[in-house]
Protein backbone atom coordinates (compact mmCIF):
# COMPACT_ATOMS: atom_id res chain seq x y z
CA UNK A 1 0.00 0.00 0.00
CA UNK A 2 1.48 3.26 -1.11
CA UNK A 3 2.35 5.76 1.55
CA UNK A 4 0.36 9.00 1.35
CA UNK A 5 2.47 12.09 1.45
CA UNK A 6 1.19 15.32 2.99
CA UNK A 7 2.74 18.58 2.01
CA UNK A 8 2.45 21.80 4.04
CA UNK A 9 2.03 20.46 7.59
CA UNK A 10 4.61 21.91 9.83
CA UNK A 11 5.43 21.50 13.47
CA UNK A 12 7.39 24.52 14.45
CA UNK A 13 10.19 24.73 11.90
CA UNK A 14 10.14 21.01 11.02
CA UNK A 15 8.48 19.74 7.84
CA UNK A 16 6.90 16.38 6.93
CA UNK A 17 7.98 16.61 3.27
CA UNK A 18 9.86 13.37 2.38
CA UNK A 19 13.55 13.45 1.82
CA UNK A 20 15.12 12.72 -1.56
CA UNK A 21 16.25 9.25 -0.50
CA UNK A 22 12.71 8.32 0.59
CA UNK A 23 11.30 9.43 -2.77
CA UNK A 24 13.72 7.24 -4.69
CA UNK A 25 12.88 4.27 -2.46
CA UNK A 26 9.15 4.75 -3.07
CA UNK A 27 9.66 4.93 -6.84
CA UNK A 28 11.61 1.68 -6.83
CA UNK A 29 8.91 0.01 -4.74
CA UNK A 30 6.14 1.25 -7.06
CA UNK A 31 8.05 0.02 -10.14
CA UNK A 32 8.61 -3.42 -8.66
CA UNK A 33 4.87 -3.93 -8.12
CA UNK A 34 4.04 -3.61 -11.80
CA UNK A 35 7.15 -5.20 -13.33
CA UNK A 36 6.62 -8.73 -14.74
CA UNK A 37 9.04 -11.38 -13.51
CA UNK A 38 11.51 -12.53 -16.17
CA UNK A 39 13.22 -15.88 -16.53
CA UNK A 40 16.98 -16.23 -16.94
CA UNK A 41 18.12 -16.35 -20.57
CA UNK A 42 19.25 -19.95 -20.14
CA UNK A 43 15.71 -21.01 -19.17
CA UNK A 44 14.10 -19.25 -22.14
CA UNK A 45 15.82 -21.49 -24.73
CA UNK A 46 13.84 -24.67 -25.48
CA UNK A 47 15.61 -28.01 -24.94
CA UNK A 48 15.73 -28.68 -28.70
CA UNK A 49 17.83 -25.54 -29.28
CA UNK A 50 20.08 -26.37 -26.34
CA UNK A 51 20.74 -29.85 -27.74
CA UNK A 52 21.76 -28.35 -31.08
CA UNK A 53 24.13 -26.01 -29.26
CA UNK A 54 25.59 -28.91 -27.28
CA UNK A 55 26.06 -31.02 -30.42
CA UNK A 56 27.92 -28.19 -32.17
CA UNK A 57 30.14 -27.69 -29.12
CA UNK A 58 30.92 -31.42 -28.91
CA UNK A 59 31.82 -31.70 -32.59
CA UNK A 60 34.07 -28.62 -32.59
CA UNK A 61 36.40 -29.77 -29.82
CA UNK A 62 38.87 -32.62 -29.83
CA UNK A 63 37.96 -34.07 -26.45
CA UNK A 64 35.34 -36.74 -25.68
CA UNK A 65 31.73 -35.69 -25.32
CA UNK A 66 31.55 -36.51 -21.61
CA UNK A 67 34.27 -33.93 -20.84
CA UNK A 68 32.52 -31.24 -22.88
CA UNK A 69 29.18 -31.99 -21.25
CA UNK A 70 30.77 -31.93 -17.79
CA UNK A 71 31.77 -28.31 -18.43
CA UNK A 72 28.47 -27.28 -20.02
CA UNK A 73 26.43 -28.81 -17.21
CA UNK A 74 28.01 -26.35 -14.77
CA UNK A 75 26.23 -23.39 -16.40
CA UNK A 76 22.82 -23.97 -14.82
CA UNK A 77 20.27 -26.63 -13.94
CA UNK A 78 18.37 -26.36 -17.23
CA UNK A 79 21.57 -26.99 -19.21
CA UNK A 80 22.38 -29.96 -17.03
CA UNK A 81 18.92 -31.47 -17.57
CA UNK A 82 18.93 -30.83 -21.35
CA UNK A 83 22.37 -32.41 -21.75
CA UNK A 84 21.51 -35.73 -20.14
CA UNK A 85 22.26 -38.62 -22.48
CA UNK A 86 24.82 -36.72 -24.61
CA UNK A 87 27.86 -37.95 -22.67
CA UNK A 88 28.44 -40.65 -25.31
CA UNK A 89 27.58 -38.51 -28.36
CA UNK A 90 31.23 -38.50 -29.53
CA UNK A 91 33.73 -41.10 -28.32
CA UNK A 92 37.42 -41.42 -29.34
CA UNK A 93 39.23 -44.66 -28.45
CA UNK A 94 42.99 -44.97 -28.94
CA UNK A 95 43.98 -47.79 -26.58
CA UNK A 96 42.73 -51.04 -25.10
CA UNK A 97 42.44 -49.39 -21.66
CA UNK A 98 40.09 -46.75 -23.03
CA UNK A 99 38.03 -49.46 -24.72
CA UNK A 100 37.72 -51.40 -21.45
CA UNK A 101 36.73 -48.24 -19.56
CA UNK A 102 34.13 -47.30 -22.18
CA UNK A 103 32.52 -50.72 -22.33
CA UNK A 104 32.60 -50.94 -18.54
CA UNK A 105 30.70 -47.67 -18.28
CA UNK A 106 28.20 -48.76 -20.94
CA UNK A 107 27.48 -52.10 -19.28
CA UNK A 108 26.95 -50.48 -15.86
CA UNK A 109 24.51 -47.80 -17.03
CA UNK A 110 20.95 -48.94 -16.21
CA UNK A 111 19.28 -47.29 -19.21
CA UNK A 112 21.81 -48.77 -21.65
CA UNK A 113 21.46 -52.17 -20.02
CA UNK A 114 17.70 -52.00 -20.46
CA UNK A 115 17.84 -51.02 -24.13
CA UNK A 116 21.06 -52.92 -24.96
CA UNK A 117 22.05 -49.90 -27.06
CA UNK A 118 24.56 -47.08 -26.58
CA UNK A 119 23.67 -43.70 -28.14
CA UNK A 120 27.08 -43.09 -29.71
CA UNK A 121 26.77 -41.05 -32.90
CA UNK A 122 30.42 -40.16 -33.61
CA UNK A 123 32.96 -42.95 -32.98
CA UNK A 124 36.70 -42.89 -33.64
CA UNK A 125 38.79 -45.99 -32.93
CA UNK A 126 42.48 -46.55 -33.59
CA UNK A 127 44.27 -49.79 -32.90
CA UNK A 128 47.27 -50.06 -30.66
CA UNK A 129 50.44 -51.79 -31.78
CA UNK A 130 48.90 -55.21 -31.34
CA UNK A 131 47.29 -54.43 -34.71
CA UNK A 132 43.87 -55.87 -33.90
CA UNK A 133 40.74 -53.93 -32.98
CA UNK A 134 40.39 -54.83 -29.31
CA UNK A 135 36.70 -55.51 -28.45
CA UNK A 136 35.56 -53.30 -31.33
CA UNK A 137 32.89 -55.72 -32.65
CA UNK A 138 31.31 -55.70 -29.18
CA UNK A 139 31.19 -51.89 -29.17
CA UNK A 140 29.87 -51.65 -32.74
CA UNK A 141 27.06 -54.03 -31.92
CA UNK A 142 25.95 -51.76 -29.08
CA UNK A 143 25.97 -48.50 -31.07
CA UNK A 144 25.44 -49.57 -34.70
CA UNK A 145 21.86 -48.21 -34.93
CA UNK A 146 22.78 -44.74 -33.65
CA UNK A 147 26.13 -44.26 -35.43
CA UNK A 148 26.29 -41.37 -37.90
CA UNK A 149 30.08 -40.92 -38.25
CA UNK A 150 32.66 -43.71 -37.98
CA UNK A 151 36.47 -43.41 -38.09
CA UNK A 152 38.50 -46.63 -37.97
CA UNK A 153 42.26 -46.81 -38.42
CA UNK A 154 45.24 -49.08 -37.88
CA UNK A 155 48.44 -47.55 -36.57
CA UNK A 156 50.63 -50.29 -37.97
CA UNK A 157 50.32 -52.90 -40.70
CA UNK A 158 53.49 -54.90 -40.15
CA UNK A 159 52.83 -58.62 -40.01
CA UNK A 160 49.51 -60.45 -40.46
CA UNK A 161 46.26 -58.50 -40.14
CA UNK A 162 43.20 -59.83 -38.37
CA UNK A 163 40.38 -58.66 -40.63
CA UNK A 164 37.53 -56.98 -38.83
CA UNK A 165 34.58 -58.13 -40.97
CA UNK A 166 33.93 -61.29 -42.94
CA UNK A 167 33.42 -61.53 -46.69
CA UNK A 168 30.58 -59.51 -48.16
CA UNK A 169 27.33 -61.28 -49.00
CA UNK A 170 25.18 -58.86 -50.98
CA UNK A 171 22.27 -61.30 -51.23
CA UNK A 172 21.66 -61.07 -47.45
CA UNK A 173 21.90 -58.30 -44.87
CA UNK A 174 25.10 -58.71 -42.82
CA UNK A 175 24.96 -59.37 -39.09
CA UNK A 176 26.67 -56.04 -38.34
CA UNK A 177 24.54 -53.48 -40.18
CA UNK A 178 24.71 -49.66 -39.85
CA UNK A 179 21.32 -48.24 -40.87
CA UNK A 180 22.08 -44.55 -40.20
CA UNK A 181 25.76 -44.16 -41.08
CA UNK A 182 26.46 -41.11 -43.28
CA UNK A 183 30.26 -40.70 -42.92
CA UNK A 184 32.79 -43.57 -43.09
CA UNK A 185 36.58 -43.24 -42.85
CA UNK A 186 38.84 -46.30 -43.01
CA UNK A 187 42.62 -46.28 -42.64
CA UNK A 188 44.88 -49.19 -43.64
CA UNK A 189 42.07 -51.61 -44.34
CA UNK A 190 42.19 -54.43 -46.84
CA UNK A 191 40.00 -54.22 -49.98
CA UNK A 192 37.93 -57.14 -48.67
CA UNK A 193 37.27 -55.27 -45.41
CA UNK A 194 36.39 -52.14 -47.38
CA UNK A 195 33.81 -53.99 -49.46
CA UNK A 196 32.40 -55.68 -46.36
CA UNK A 197 31.93 -52.31 -44.66
CA UNK A 198 30.32 -50.72 -47.70
CA UNK A 199 27.82 -53.56 -47.97
CA UNK A 200 27.02 -53.11 -44.26
CA UNK A 201 25.78 -49.52 -44.79
CA UNK A 202 22.38 -48.34 -45.95
CA UNK A 203 22.88 -47.20 -49.59
CA UNK A 204 20.38 -44.38 -49.08
CA UNK A 205 22.27 -42.87 -46.13
CA UNK A 206 26.02 -42.89 -46.91
CA UNK A 207 27.22 -39.43 -48.06
CA UNK A 208 30.99 -39.35 -47.48
CA UNK A 209 33.64 -42.08 -47.83
CA UNK A 210 37.35 -41.72 -46.99
CA UNK A 211 40.06 -44.32 -47.57
CA UNK A 212 43.58 -43.86 -46.20
CA UNK A 213 46.30 -46.31 -47.28
CA UNK A 214 43.74 -49.01 -47.94
CA UNK A 215 46.01 -51.36 -49.91
CA UNK A 216 44.53 -50.21 -53.22
CA UNK A 217 47.82 -50.71 -55.00
CA UNK A 218 46.78 -54.35 -55.40
CA UNK A 219 44.38 -55.23 -58.22
CA UNK A 220 41.65 -56.72 -56.07
CA UNK A 221 38.83 -57.92 -58.30
CA UNK A 222 35.41 -56.84 -57.10
CA UNK A 223 32.80 -59.63 -57.22
CA UNK A 224 30.28 -59.26 -60.02
CA UNK A 225 27.37 -59.24 -57.58
CA UNK A 226 28.69 -56.03 -56.03
CA UNK A 227 28.81 -54.09 -59.29
CA UNK A 228 25.06 -53.54 -59.12
CA UNK A 229 25.25 -51.60 -55.86
CA UNK A 230 24.33 -47.90 -56.00
CA UNK A 231 24.73 -45.18 -53.37
CA UNK A 232 22.72 -42.19 -54.69
CA UNK A 233 23.64 -39.92 -51.75
CA UNK A 234 27.37 -40.67 -51.84
CA UNK A 235 28.72 -37.34 -53.15
CA UNK A 236 32.21 -37.16 -51.64
CA UNK A 237 34.93 -39.77 -52.15
CA UNK A 238 38.48 -39.38 -50.79
CA UNK A 239 41.23 -41.90 -51.60
CA UNK A 240 44.68 -41.40 -50.07
CA UNK A 241 47.66 -43.70 -50.46
CA UNK A 242 48.76 -43.16 -54.09
CA UNK A 243 46.79 -45.94 -55.81
CA UNK A 244 46.96 -46.47 -59.53
CA UNK A 245 44.08 -44.71 -61.32
CA UNK A 246 43.38 -47.93 -63.19
CA UNK A 247 42.85 -49.84 -59.94
CA UNK A 248 39.58 -51.83 -60.21
CA UNK A 249 38.49 -50.82 -56.70
CA UNK A 250 38.82 -47.09 -57.50
CA UNK A 251 36.76 -47.54 -60.66
CA UNK A 252 34.16 -49.52 -58.73
CA UNK A 253 33.85 -46.80 -56.08
CA UNK A 254 33.17 -44.20 -58.78
CA UNK A 255 30.65 -46.55 -60.36
CA UNK A 256 28.55 -47.07 -57.22
CA UNK A 257 28.27 -43.28 -56.68
CA UNK A 258 26.23 -42.03 -59.67
CA UNK A 259 25.81 -38.56 -58.12
CA UNK A 260 29.44 -38.05 -57.11
CA UNK A 261 30.40 -34.36 -56.80
CA UNK A 262 33.84 -34.43 -55.14
CA UNK A 263 36.62 -36.92 -55.90
CA UNK A 264 39.97 -36.57 -54.11
CA UNK A 265 42.92 -38.69 -55.24
CA UNK A 266 46.63 -38.73 -54.40
CA UNK A 267 49.07 -40.05 -57.01
CA UNK A 268 52.72 -40.04 -58.00
CA UNK A 269 53.83 -37.65 -60.72
CA UNK A 270 54.58 -40.38 -63.25
CA UNK A 271 50.92 -41.46 -63.14
CA UNK A 272 49.50 -38.09 -64.20
CA UNK A 273 48.85 -39.16 -67.83
CA UNK A 274 46.95 -42.24 -66.64
CA UNK A 275 44.94 -40.12 -64.20
CA UNK A 276 44.01 -37.66 -66.95
CA UNK A 277 42.79 -40.52 -69.11
CA UNK A 278 40.81 -41.95 -66.19
CA UNK A 279 39.06 -38.66 -65.43
CA UNK A 280 38.17 -38.24 -69.10
CA UNK A 281 36.62 -41.73 -69.33
CA UNK A 282 32.99 -42.70 -68.87
CA UNK A 283 33.80 -44.26 -65.49
CA UNK A 284 33.59 -40.79 -63.95
CA UNK A 285 30.01 -39.62 -63.22
CA UNK A 286 28.87 -36.58 -65.13
CA UNK A 287 27.85 -34.96 -61.85
CA UNK A 288 31.49 -34.49 -60.80
CA UNK A 289 32.26 -30.84 -59.97
CA UNK A 290 35.31 -30.79 -57.69
CA UNK A 291 38.20 -33.12 -58.49
CA UNK A 292 40.92 -32.61 -55.86
CA UNK A 293 44.28 -33.98 -56.97
CA UNK A 294 47.37 -34.34 -54.77
CA UNK A 295 50.59 -35.02 -56.73
CA UNK A 296 53.77 -36.30 -55.12
CA UNK A 297 57.04 -35.19 -56.74
CA UNK A 298 60.73 -35.70 -56.01
CA UNK A 299 62.87 -33.54 -53.75
CA UNK A 300 64.56 -31.56 -56.54
CA UNK A 301 61.67 -31.55 -59.04
CA UNK A 302 59.26 -28.80 -59.97
CA UNK A 303 55.69 -28.97 -61.24
CA UNK A 304 53.40 -26.20 -62.47
CA UNK A 305 50.24 -26.03 -64.64
CA UNK A 306 52.35 -25.55 -67.77
CA UNK A 307 54.44 -28.69 -67.21
CA UNK A 308 54.00 -31.24 -70.05
CA UNK A 309 52.64 -33.94 -67.73
CA UNK A 310 50.24 -31.63 -65.81
CA UNK A 311 49.02 -29.34 -68.62
CA UNK A 312 46.62 -31.97 -70.13
CA UNK A 313 44.93 -32.41 -66.74
CA UNK A 314 44.55 -28.64 -66.29
CA UNK A 315 43.06 -28.40 -69.79
CA UNK A 316 40.59 -31.21 -69.05
CA UNK A 317 39.46 -29.44 -65.87
CA UNK A 318 38.80 -26.25 -67.83
CA UNK A 319 36.91 -28.07 -70.58
CA UNK A 320 34.64 -29.88 -68.12
CA UNK A 321 33.99 -26.73 -66.07
CA UNK A 322 35.33 -28.31 -62.89
CA UNK A 323 36.70 -26.36 -59.96
CA UNK A 324 40.47 -26.68 -60.07
CA UNK A 325 42.38 -27.81 -56.97
CA UNK A 326 45.80 -29.40 -57.51
CA UNK A 327 48.16 -29.77 -54.57
CA UNK A 328 51.83 -30.56 -55.21
CA UNK A 329 53.71 -32.33 -52.40
CA UNK A 330 57.41 -32.73 -51.89
CA UNK A 331 59.62 -33.48 -48.91
CA UNK A 332 60.23 -29.81 -48.05
CA UNK A 333 56.68 -28.50 -48.46
CA UNK A 334 53.57 -28.26 -50.65
CA UNK A 335 51.63 -25.71 -52.70
CA UNK A 336 48.21 -25.53 -54.34
CA UNK A 337 47.11 -24.44 -57.83
CA UNK A 338 43.51 -23.22 -57.90
């Protein structure tokens, strides 16, 4: 109830007129009665927006998702509640100890035990120097339905290799099937493993495929039954490891991607004429827009767009209207012609 002020009443020389401090206090009190309460900015954002923010933060840092979420959950209670379940969004594994710790945490989580599924969407696994993927099939079985991005790599290939997947059987769905995988990166895998992984992915979901040192210098013959496969959403193909352009596996990969837009290859300089012939052939989809070529040269050599072995490739890129990107590598550095 507002205080009523009376002006003009005096008792002797004293006056009842309020002081300046009292007037300011009354104004603040009057304003607070009519002001609507406001929520903190963190509580205004809906959970769906917060999850998108958390996902972007997880993907843009190099640490596991549970560390990122541990920091974000300290902001406020609403952030902590919205981030529940994202601790396993992105998981990197580089040793057998980390694999044991991860599987131990998964098997002791009540919700995961009930569903028998781990909500891992981005998984990166590298082998240790024992060269085999320690308990990886067990982990893939738990998260195969939620996986969107998968990085697998061997650190060493000396000696015999224990292949991860069995031979491909296109007439039947494999036991280890990834229905939602959009990004696949394999390092130092055999061609048979590569084909087995590709046949374990939904053809309507895969968008990006990377191969690093995947033994494509051998002429592995692709079974005839696999030549009918098509991946309409596969638009980016990256092949590192200096394979021959005439390798049957490289041609098969271009064949199964009818809507291919980006093709990245690394070759030795002496194979530039063969590469130019390959890119000009009908094995390359007409949808190709961005061929990215990495050329390896010797220590004391030089290579520019006017060189006799590179000029035909540059001319082909101009004729087809492709975006030029040619990177030249040597032991002391590299440079790009765009």
